[in-house]
C-alpha cells in the first residue's frame, strides 16, 4: 500500500514507522513547518512537501495533525 502522511509530529512519525514495518511505502510526508516535515521525512525515508498542490497518488492518506488543524487540512 502507498501512504501519504499529513503531519510531522510524533504520532505521524510513529504511524509511518509502523506502516513501513508492515511492508507499506510512505510516498510523501506533508506538513506546515519545513523543518519538522523534513525531519519526519528523513526518519521515514520519504519525500517531503509543505503544500497540498502536489499530493502524490496514494492508496491511503493519514491525517495526523492536531484536532484544531483538521478542518483546514480537509478543506485544502
Protein backbone atom coordinates (compact mmCIF):
# COMPACT_ATOMS: atom_id res chain seq x y z
CA UNK A 1 0.00 0.00 0.00
CA UNK A 2 1.26 3.52 -0.79
CA UNK A 3 0.64 6.01 2.00
CA UNK A 4 0.81 9.79 2.32
CA UNK A 5 1.08 11.21 5.82
CA UNK A 6 -0.21 14.70 6.58
CA UNK A 7 1.52 15.84 9.75
CA UNK A 8 5.06 15.76 11.01
CA UNK A 9 4.78 15.23 14.75
CA UNK A 10 5.37 12.19 16.90
CA UNK A 11 2.07 10.48 16.05
CA UNK A 12 2.70 10.91 12.31
CA UNK A 13 6.21 9.50 12.63
CA UNK A 14 5.18 6.54 14.78
CA UNK A 15 2.30 5.64 12.45
CA UNK A 16 4.63 5.95 9.47
CA UNK A 17 7.21 3.68 11.08
CA UNK A 18 4.54 1.11 11.92
CA UNK A 19 3.23 1.09 8.35
CA UNK A 20 6.76 0.81 6.95
CA UNK A 21 7.48 -2.10 9.29
CA UNK A 22 4.33 -3.78 7.99
CA UNK A 23 5.72 -3.53 4.45
CA UNK A 24 3.96 -0.43 3.17
CA UNK A 25 5.59 2.51 1.37
CA UNK A 26 5.39 6.10 2.59
CA UNK A 27 5.21 8.13 -0.63
CA UNK A 28 5.11 11.59 0.99
CA UNK A 29 5.11 13.44 4.30
CA UNK A 30 3.27 16.77 4.19
CA UNK A 31 3.33 19.40 6.91
CA UNK A 32 3.30 23.13 7.70
CA UNK A 33 6.78 23.50 9.16
CA UNK A 34 9.61 22.94 6.69
CA UNK A 35 12.00 21.93 9.48
CA UNK A 36 9.60 19.46 11.10
CA UNK A 37 8.37 17.90 7.86
CA UNK A 38 11.93 17.40 6.61
CA UNK A 39 12.87 15.74 9.91
CA UNK A 40 9.86 13.41 9.76
CA UNK A 41 10.52 12.60 6.10
CA UNK A 42 14.16 11.83 6.88
CA UNK A 43 13.14 9.43 9.66
CA UNK A 44 10.58 7.77 7.38
CA UNK A 45 12.91 7.86 4.35
CA UNK A 46 10.24 9.54 2.24
CA UNK A 47 9.86 12.74 0.19
CA UNK A 48 8.53 15.81 1.97
CA UNK A 49 6.31 18.74 1.00
CA UNK A 50 4.85 21.79 2.71
CA UNK A 51 1.83 22.30 0.45
CA UNK A 52 -1.15 20.39 -0.83
CA UNK A 53 -0.82 21.20 -4.53
CA UNK A 54 1.09 18.06 -5.47
CA UNK A 55 -0.10 15.22 -3.27
CA UNK A 56 1.22 12.05 -4.90
CA UNK A 57 -1.09 9.21 -5.82
CA UNK A 58 -1.69 7.21 -2.65
CA UNK A 59 -3.84 4.31 -1.58
CA UNK A 60 -4.26 5.83 1.85
CA UNK A 61 -3.85 9.32 3.36
CA UNK A 62 -3.25 9.56 7.09
CA UNK A 63 -4.14 12.89 8.71
CA UNK A 64 -2.03 13.06 11.87
CA UNK A 65 -2.37 16.68 12.97
CA UNK A 66 -3.82 18.43 16.00
CA UNK A 67 -7.60 18.33 16.27
CA UNK A 68 -7.85 22.06 15.68
CA UNK A 69 -5.97 21.78 12.36
CA UNK A 70 -8.17 19.06 10.86
CA UNK A 71 -10.87 21.34 9.34
CA UNK A 72 -8.34 23.41 7.39
CA UNK A 73 -6.46 20.29 6.26
CA UNK A 74 -9.63 18.64 4.99
CA UNK A 75 -10.69 21.86 3.25
CA UNK A 76 -7.38 22.00 1.37
